[in-house]
Amino acid sequence: MSTVKDVIRLFEKWVPTHYAESWDNVGLQVGAKDQKVNKIMITLDVTDAVVDEAIEKNVDFIIAHHPLLFKGLKHIDFQDPKGRVVKKLIQHNITVYAAHTNLDVVSGGVNDLLAQRLELINTKALVPTIEEQLLKFIVYVPQSHLNVVVEKIGDAGAGHIGNYSHCTFRAFGTGAFKPLEGTNPFLGTQGKIEEVDEYKVETIIKKSQLSSVLQAAEKAHPYEEMAYDLVPLANKGNQEGLGRIGKLAHPMKLSEYVEVVKRNLNIPALRYVGDQDQLIKKIAVLGGSGKAYIDVARKAGADLYVTGDITFHEAQDAEEAGLCLIDPGHHVEEVMKEAVKDYFLANLDALPEKIEVEVSTLSTDPFRYQ
């Protein structure tokens, strides 16, 4: 049986909650961690219509990008729109979990997905918020179990360097130990020193991965007492953060790029600021409401900033400063739906029991275009 706790643990291997901004409200919103999960549905928002869709499809776990409960609640009135949604969720035993700014900043999350759709290359975080401490994990493994231990710790996240996974260094040597009274050694005899052909395996991990990597190593390792070392590294970890900034492989006029954005984000219309003939080379993008970072994009050298919820005066100021803007709408963050689904489908074997995964087919964009 797979529970809410199992699904959350799996998801947070990719999207840890500590990546979220301090003002955000992510994680379990409604439900219980020991509840069984049969089917999850991925959505941008948890609206009344989305909950009805979940009920119709026998969904018992909703994963949303925008938190259902964002601001502090002092009461839940079942007559209010939000209260009605909460009541319906509880009545139908549907759990709700939110991954918001943590899904924005994480590698492969919302902003990377948008950057890919916008055809950006050589991207990096626009507003760095996370730089994880790196550790060297060193474990001593008998030759007979080398491959399985290396595979399992790699699957748990160890040895990820750039676009490579399962990176390790191995040195062959001789391990020695004496099993004492009360032990049940995999190799050797109590009271006698045993020598074993072993490999010293070195790899790199993020500090946040330590628990899962140790658990994976201990599960695959044959010894009663696994010998390992942890060494803090001065190497800088990958920076994660809000937004992305990158370049176009082939610069184009703003008017041409507007059409690229509409086509690649599958939207009928958008708002933009700037001279139609201005050549666009460097672009910043930030999913959701990114008007607070207009000046950051300009100072980073962007010719164009793509974000949602731009207001009149911010648009004027950007135009005066020579920065082009494109506002495709807040709802384009729905690019996360298929990506989250793909993550779960690729990792279902990590759950105690397989579950069904699907994407909400409803658009939660409140605006209409004509």
Protein backbone atom coordinates (compact mmCIF):
# COMPACT_ATOMS: atom_id res chain seq x y z
CA MET A 1 0.00 0.00 0.00
CA SER A 2 1.29 3.45 -0.93
CA THR A 3 0.36 6.26 1.45
CA VAL A 4 0.34 10.04 1.26
CA LYS A 5 3.59 9.99 3.22
CA ASP A 6 5.21 7.69 0.63
CA VAL A 7 4.16 9.92 -2.27
CA ILE A 8 5.34 13.08 -0.50
CA ARG A 9 8.70 11.49 0.35
CA LEU A 10 9.21 10.53 -3.29
CA PHE A 11 8.18 13.96 -4.61
CA GLU A 12 10.36 15.86 -2.15
CA LYS A 13 13.43 13.98 -3.36
CA TRP A 14 13.06 16.22 -6.40
CA VAL A 15 11.31 19.24 -4.88
CA PRO A 16 12.43 19.68 -1.25
CA THR A 17 10.30 22.02 0.87
CA HIS A 18 13.33 23.97 2.13
CA TYR A 19 13.73 25.35 -1.39
CA ALA A 20 10.53 27.38 -0.89
CA GLU A 21 10.58 31.07 -0.02
CA SER A 22 10.07 31.90 3.67
CA TRP A 23 6.70 33.57 2.99
CA ASP A 24 5.35 30.61 1.05
CA ASN A 25 3.04 27.84 2.28
CA VAL A 26 4.01 24.52 0.74
CA GLY A 27 3.51 20.90 1.67
CA LEU A 28 0.44 19.08 2.95
CA GLN A 29 -2.61 21.36 2.83
CA VAL A 30 -5.55 19.02 3.49
CA GLY A 31 -5.52 15.34 4.47
CA ALA A 32 -3.59 12.79 6.50
CA LYS A 33 -0.17 11.31 5.82
CA ASP A 34 -1.26 7.75 6.60
CA GLN A 35 -4.08 7.81 4.04
CA LYS A 36 -3.83 5.29 1.20
CA VAL A 37 -3.23 6.67 -2.30
CA ASN A 38 -4.61 5.03 -5.42
CA LYS A 39 -4.58 7.90 -7.91
CA ILE A 40 -2.99 11.34 -7.98
CA MET A 41 -3.91 14.26 -10.20
CA ILE A 42 -1.62 17.18 -11.04
CA THR A 43 -3.10 20.66 -11.35
CA LEU A 44 -2.03 24.31 -11.33
CA ASP A 45 -4.79 25.38 -8.91
CA VAL A 46 -7.30 23.68 -6.63
CA THR A 47 -10.62 25.18 -7.66
CA ASP A 48 -14.15 23.90 -7.15
CA ALA A 49 -14.20 22.64 -10.74
CA VAL A 50 -10.85 20.86 -10.31
CA VAL A 51 -12.13 19.11 -7.18
CA ASP A 52 -15.23 17.99 -9.10
CA GLU A 53 -12.92 16.60 -11.79
CA ALA A 54 -10.95 14.73 -9.12
CA ILE A 55 -14.15 13.25 -7.67
CA GLU A 56 -15.32 12.15 -11.11
CA LYS A 57 -11.99 10.45 -11.80
CA ASN A 58 -11.76 8.78 -8.36
CA VAL A 59 -8.65 10.78 -7.48
CA ASP A 60 -7.64 10.70 -3.80
CA PHE A 61 -4.52 12.91 -3.93
CA ILE A 62 -4.19 16.29 -5.66
CA ILE A 63 -0.77 17.86 -6.19
CA ALA A 64 -1.04 21.57 -7.01
CA HIS A 65 1.45 24.29 -7.83
CA HIS A 66 -0.53 27.13 -6.24
CA PRO A 67 -1.35 26.53 -2.56
CA LEU A 68 -5.02 26.10 -1.75
CA LEU A 69 -4.29 27.59 1.70
CA PHE A 70 -1.92 30.46 1.14
CA LYS A 71 -2.74 33.18 3.63
CA GLY A 72 -3.42 32.35 7.24
CA LEU A 73 -6.97 31.17 7.86
CA LYS A 74 -8.78 32.22 11.04
CA HIS A 75 -11.89 30.21 10.23
CA ILE A 76 -13.34 27.96 7.50
CA ASP A 77 -16.85 29.02 6.52
CA PHE A 78 -18.52 26.37 4.36
CA GLN A 79 -20.56 29.15 2.75
CA ASP A 80 -17.43 30.85 1.40
CA PRO A 81 -15.88 29.66 -1.90
CA LYS A 82 -12.67 28.47 -0.21
CA GLY A 83 -14.62 26.82 2.61
CA ARG A 84 -16.82 24.95 0.15
CA VAL A 85 -13.75 23.54 -1.58
CA VAL A 86 -12.22 22.41 1.73
CA LYS A 87 -15.50 20.82 2.79
CA LYS A 88 -15.81 18.93 -0.50
CA LEU A 89 -12.23 17.66 -0.22
CA ILE A 90 -12.82 16.38 3.29
CA GLN A 91 -16.16 14.78 2.39
CA HIS A 92 -14.54 12.85 -0.47
CA ASN A 93 -11.33 12.03 1.43
CA ILE A 94 -9.09 13.85 -1.06
CA THR A 95 -5.64 14.97 0.06
CA VAL A 96 -4.12 18.22 -1.26
CA TYR A 97 -0.40 18.96 -1.40
CA ALA A 98 1.23 22.13 -2.78
CA ALA A 99 4.68 22.69 -4.30
CA HIS A 100 4.97 26.38 -5.11
CA THR A 101 8.20 28.41 -5.03
CA ASN A 102 10.18 25.23 -4.36
CA LEU A 103 8.91 23.88 -7.69
CA ASP A 104 9.73 27.25 -9.27
CA VAL A 105 13.40 27.21 -8.27
CA VAL A 106 14.35 23.54 -8.45
CA SER A 107 16.29 22.20 -11.42
CA GLY A 108 13.80 20.92 -13.99
CA GLY A 109 10.98 22.87 -12.34
CA VAL A 110 8.69 25.64 -13.56
CA ASN A 111 11.33 28.16 -14.58
CA ASP A 112 13.49 25.62 -16.39
CA LEU A 113 10.40 24.36 -18.18
CA LEU A 114 9.47 27.89 -19.25
CA ALA A 115 13.03 28.61 -20.34
CA GLN A 116 12.95 25.49 -22.53
CA ARG A 117 9.63 26.50 -24.06
CA LEU A 118 11.04 29.96 -24.73
CA GLU A 119 14.03 28.38 -26.52
CA LEU A 120 16.68 29.77 -24.16
CA ILE A 121 20.17 28.29 -23.95
CA ASN A 122 22.98 28.58 -21.39
CA THR A 123 20.55 29.44 -18.62
CA LYS A 124 21.23 30.17 -14.96
CA ALA A 125 19.17 31.37 -12.02
CA LEU A 126 18.02 34.98 -12.30
CA VAL A 127 17.65 35.41 -8.52
CA PRO A 128 19.83 32.82 -6.69
CA THR A 129 18.19 31.68 -3.45
CA ILE A 130 19.74 28.26 -2.74
CA GLU A 131 23.29 26.96 -2.81
CA GLU A 132 23.48 23.58 -1.14
CA GLN A 133 26.55 22.52 0.79
CA LEU A 134 28.35 19.64 -0.87
CA LEU A 135 29.81 16.65 0.96
CA LYS A 136 32.20 13.93 -0.10
CA PHE A 137 30.74 10.57 0.86
CA ILE A 138 33.32 7.80 1.21
CA VAL A 139 32.24 4.22 1.81
CA TYR A 140 34.24 0.99 2.03
CA VAL A 141 32.62 -1.90 0.17
CA PRO A 142 33.64 -5.56 -0.29
CA GLN A 143 34.32 -6.41 -3.92
CA SER A 144 31.29 -8.72 -4.07
CA HIS A 145 28.84 -5.85 -3.39
CA LEU A 146 30.58 -2.99 -5.20
CA ASN A 147 28.22 -2.66 -8.14
CA VAL A 148 24.98 -2.89 -6.17
CA VAL A 149 26.09 -0.30 -3.58
CA VAL A 150 27.28 2.13 -6.28
CA GLU A 151 24.01 1.70 -8.17
CA LYS A 152 21.80 2.23 -5.12
CA ILE A 153 23.58 5.33 -3.80
CA GLY A 154 23.54 6.78 -7.33
CA ASP A 155 19.82 6.14 -7.56
CA ALA A 156 19.45 8.03 -4.26
CA GLY A 157 21.16 11.08 -5.76
CA ALA A 158 24.85 10.58 -5.04
CA GLY A 159 27.38 11.42 -7.74
CA HIS A 160 25.38 13.93 -9.77
CA ILE A 161 27.81 16.27 -11.53
CA GLY A 162 26.34 18.44 -14.28
CA ASN A 163 24.51 16.19 -16.72
CA TYR A 164 26.14 13.03 -15.34
CA SER A 165 24.89 10.72 -12.61
CA HIS A 166 26.40 7.86 -10.56
CA CYS A 167 29.85 9.50 -10.66
CA THR A 168 32.31 7.73 -8.32
CA PHE A 169 36.02 7.13 -7.79
CA ARG A 170 37.07 3.66 -6.60
CA ALA A 171 40.38 2.56 -5.13
CA PHE A 172 41.15 -1.09 -4.43
CA GLY A 173 42.67 -2.13 -1.11
CA THR A 174 42.53 -4.45 1.88
CA GLY A 175 40.12 -3.96 4.75
CA ALA A 176 40.78 -5.53 8.15
CA PHE A 177 38.57 -6.02 11.20
CA LYS A 178 38.04 -8.30 14.19
CA PRO A 179 34.42 -9.31 14.98
CA LEU A 180 33.88 -9.08 18.75
CA GLU A 181 31.58 -11.06 21.01
CA GLY A 182 27.91 -10.60 20.16
CA THR A 183 28.49 -9.86 16.48
CA ASN A 184 27.09 -11.72 13.50
CA PRO A 185 29.64 -10.83 10.80
CA PHE A 186 28.96 -11.16 7.09
CA LEU A 187 32.59 -12.23 6.77
CA GLY A 188 35.06 -13.54 9.35
CA THR A 189 34.94 -15.23 12.72
CA GLN A 190 34.52 -13.78 16.19
CA GLY A 191 37.82 -13.04 17.87
CA LYS A 192 39.93 -13.31 14.71
CA ILE A 193 41.25 -10.53 12.49
CA GLU A 194 39.79 -10.84 8.99
CA GLU A 195 41.25 -9.32 5.82
CA VAL A 196 38.95 -8.59 2.89
CA ASP A 197 39.38 -7.24 -0.64
CA GLU A 198 37.50 -3.95 -0.56
CA TYR A 199 36.95 -0.84 -2.63
CA LYS A 200 37.07 2.68 -1.26
CA VAL A 201 34.23 4.43 -3.10
CA GLU A 202 34.19 8.23 -3.18
CA THR A 203 31.32 10.33 -4.47
CA ILE A 204 29.74 13.74 -4.03
CA ILE A 205 26.34 14.47 -2.48
CA LYS A 206 24.23 17.45 -1.46
CA LYS A 207 23.83 17.83 2.29
CA SER A 208 20.06 17.48 1.89
CA GLN A 209 20.59 14.05 0.27
CA LEU A 210 22.62 12.68 3.18
CA SER A 211 19.81 10.78 4.89
CA SER A 212 18.52 9.09 1.72
CA VAL A 213 22.03 8.21 0.47
CA LEU A 214 23.01 6.70 3.82
CA GLN A 215 19.78 4.73 3.94
CA ALA A 216 20.35 3.39 0.42
CA ALA A 217 23.98 2.50 1.17
CA GLU A 218 23.17 0.70 4.42
CA LYS A 219 20.39 -1.26 2.75
CA ALA A 220 22.67 -2.47 -0.06
CA HIS A 221 25.80 -2.97 2.07
CA PRO A 222 26.35 -6.48 3.48
CA TYR A 223 28.18 -5.53 6.69
CA GLU A 224 26.58 -5.16 10.11
CA GLU A 225 28.57 -1.95 10.58
CA MET A 226 29.14 0.00 7.37
CA ALA A 227 32.33 2.08 7.48
CA TYR A 228 31.99 5.48 5.85
CA ASP A 229 33.37 9.04 6.01
CA LEU A 230 31.78 12.44 5.37
CA VAL A 231 33.94 15.38 4.33
CA PRO A 232 32.57 18.95 3.91
CA LEU A 233 33.69 20.41 0.58
CA ALA A 234 34.66 23.95 -0.37
CA ASN A 235 33.33 23.29 -3.88
CA LYS A 236 30.35 25.46 -4.70
CA GLY A 237 27.11 23.58 -5.22
CA ASN A 238 24.72 24.31 -8.03
CA GLN A 239 22.79 27.50 -7.44
CA GLU A 240 19.04 27.26 -7.58
CA GLY A 241 16.81 30.29 -7.61
CA LEU A 242 13.83 32.19 -8.91
CA GLY A 243 13.66 32.74 -12.65
CA ARG A 244 16.17 31.97 -15.36
CA ILE A 245 18.28 34.09 -17.68
CA GLY A 246 19.76 32.87 -20.93
CA LYS A 247 20.24 33.59 -24.60
CA LEU A 248 18.56 32.80 -27.87
CA ALA A 249 20.57 30.64 -30.24
CA HIS A 250 19.46 32.98 -33.02
CA PRO A 251 18.55 36.57 -32.06
CA MET A 252 15.31 37.92 -33.51
CA LYS A 253 13.12 40.99 -33.49
CA LEU A 254 10.70 41.45 -30.61
CA SER A 255 7.72 41.13 -32.97
CA GLU A 256 9.02 37.76 -34.18
CA TYR A 257 9.69 36.52 -30.68
CA VAL A 258 6.19 37.43 -29.53
CA GLU A 259 4.89 34.86 -32.01
CA VAL A 260 7.36 32.25 -30.71
CA VAL A 261 6.07 32.78 -27.16
CA LYS A 262 2.43 32.51 -28.23
CA ARG A 263 3.07 29.34 -30.18
CA ASN A 264 5.31 27.58 -27.67
CA LEU A 265 3.14 28.41 -24.65
CA ASN A 266 -0.06 27.70 -26.57
CA ILE A 267 -1.69 31.04 -25.75
CA PRO A 268 -3.94 33.11 -28.05
CA ALA A 269 -2.74 36.53 -26.93
CA LEU A 270 -0.30 38.33 -24.66
CA ARG A 271 0.76 41.82 -23.61
CA TYR A 272 4.17 43.20 -24.45
CA VAL A 273 6.23 46.36 -24.06
CA GLY A 274 8.95 47.61 -26.39
CA ASP A 275 9.90 48.46 -29.93
CA GLN A 276 8.74 45.72 -32.32
CA ASP A 277 12.03 45.98 -34.22
CA GLN A 278 14.32 45.73 -31.19
CA LEU A 279 16.72 42.82 -31.52
CA ILE A 280 16.32 40.29 -28.71
CA LYS A 281 19.41 38.32 -27.69
CA LYS A 282 19.32 37.84 -23.91
CA ILE A 283 16.10 36.94 -22.08
CA ALA A 284 15.05 36.62 -18.45
CA VAL A 285 11.97 34.62 -17.47
CA LEU A 286 10.19 34.19 -14.15
CA GLY A 287 7.02 32.15 -13.86
CA GLY A 288 4.03 33.58 -12.06
CA SER A 289 4.10 37.15 -10.77
CA GLY A 290 7.60 38.51 -11.32
CA LYS A 291 7.08 42.26 -11.50
CA ALA A 292 9.24 42.75 -8.38
CA TYR A 293 12.28 41.55 -10.34
CA ILE A 294 12.02 43.79 -13.41
CA ASP A 295 15.04 45.82 -12.31
CA VAL A 296 16.99 42.62 -11.56
CA ALA A 297 16.39 41.44 -15.13
CA ARG A 298 17.49 44.80 -16.52
CA LYS A 299 20.69 44.88 -14.42
CA ALA A 300 21.45 41.30 -15.49
CA GLY A 301 21.65 42.54 -19.07
CA ALA A 302 18.38 41.11 -20.38
CA ASP A 303 16.93 42.64 -23.54
CA LEU A 304 13.57 41.11 -22.65
CA TYR A 305 11.87 39.97 -19.46
CA VAL A 306 9.03 37.43 -19.62
CA THR A 307 6.79 37.25 -16.56
CA GLY A 308 3.18 37.55 -15.44
CA ASP A 309 1.01 40.11 -13.67
CA ILE A 310 2.87 43.21 -14.90
CA THR A 311 1.09 46.42 -13.93
CA PHE A 312 0.80 49.73 -15.76
CA HIS A 313 3.51 51.68 -13.95
CA GLU A 314 6.04 48.85 -13.92
CA ALA A 315 5.55 48.54 -17.68
CA GLN A 316 6.12 52.28 -18.12
CA ASP A 317 9.30 52.21 -16.04
CA ALA A 318 10.67 49.25 -17.99
CA GLU A 319 9.96 50.92 -21.29
CA GLU A 320 11.74 54.08 -20.14
CA ALA A 321 14.75 51.96 -19.13
CA GLY A 322 14.85 50.24 -22.53
CA LEU A 323 13.80 46.80 -21.27
CA CYS A 324 11.23 44.91 -23.32
CA LEU A 325 8.55 42.97 -21.45
CA ILE A 326 6.23 40.11 -22.34
CA ASP A 327 3.35 39.20 -20.04
CA PRO A 328 1.99 35.81 -21.21
CA GLY A 329 -0.21 35.44 -18.12
CA HIS A 330 0.20 33.79 -14.74
CA HIS A 331 -1.41 30.55 -15.89
CA VAL A 332 1.48 29.56 -18.20
CA GLU A 333 2.97 27.95 -15.11
CA GLU A 334 0.72 25.02 -15.99
CA VAL A 335 3.74 23.68 -17.89
CA MET A 336 4.47 22.01 -14.55
CA LYS A 337 1.57 19.57 -14.88
CA GLU A 338 3.06 17.22 -17.46
CA ALA A 339 6.54 17.49 -15.91
CA VAL A 340 5.32 16.41 -12.47
CA LYS A 341 3.36 13.57 -14.04
CA ASP A 342 6.47 12.42 -15.93
CA TYR A 343 8.51 12.47 -12.72
CA PHE A 344 6.09 10.20 -10.92
CA LEU A 345 5.71 7.82 -13.86
CA ALA A 346 9.50 7.50 -14.04
CA ASN A 347 9.77 6.77 -10.31
CA LEU A 348 6.73 4.63 -9.51
CA ASP A 349 8.95 1.68 -8.64
CA ALA A 350 10.17 3.62 -5.60
CA LEU A 351 6.69 3.44 -4.05
CA PRO A 352 5.53 0.40 -2.03
CA GLU A 353 2.66 -0.06 -4.49
CA LYS A 354 2.17 1.53 -7.90
CA ILE A 355 -0.44 4.26 -8.25
CA GLU A 356 -2.21 5.95 -11.15
CA VAL A 357 -1.07 9.42 -12.23
CA GLU A 358 -2.88 11.87 -14.44
CA VAL A 359 -3.08 15.56 -15.25
CA SER A 360 -6.09 17.80 -14.77
CA THR A 361 -7.56 18.66 -18.15
CA LEU A 362 -9.11 21.90 -16.88
CA SER A 363 -7.65 25.35 -17.45
CA THR A 364 -7.77 27.46 -14.31
CA ASP A 365 -7.03 30.70 -16.20
CA PRO A 366 -9.88 33.07 -15.22
CA PHE A 367 -9.33 35.37 -18.21
CA ARG A 368 -11.05 35.07 -21.60
CA TYR A 369 -9.69 36.40 -24.88
CA GLN A 370 -11.44 37.65 -28.00
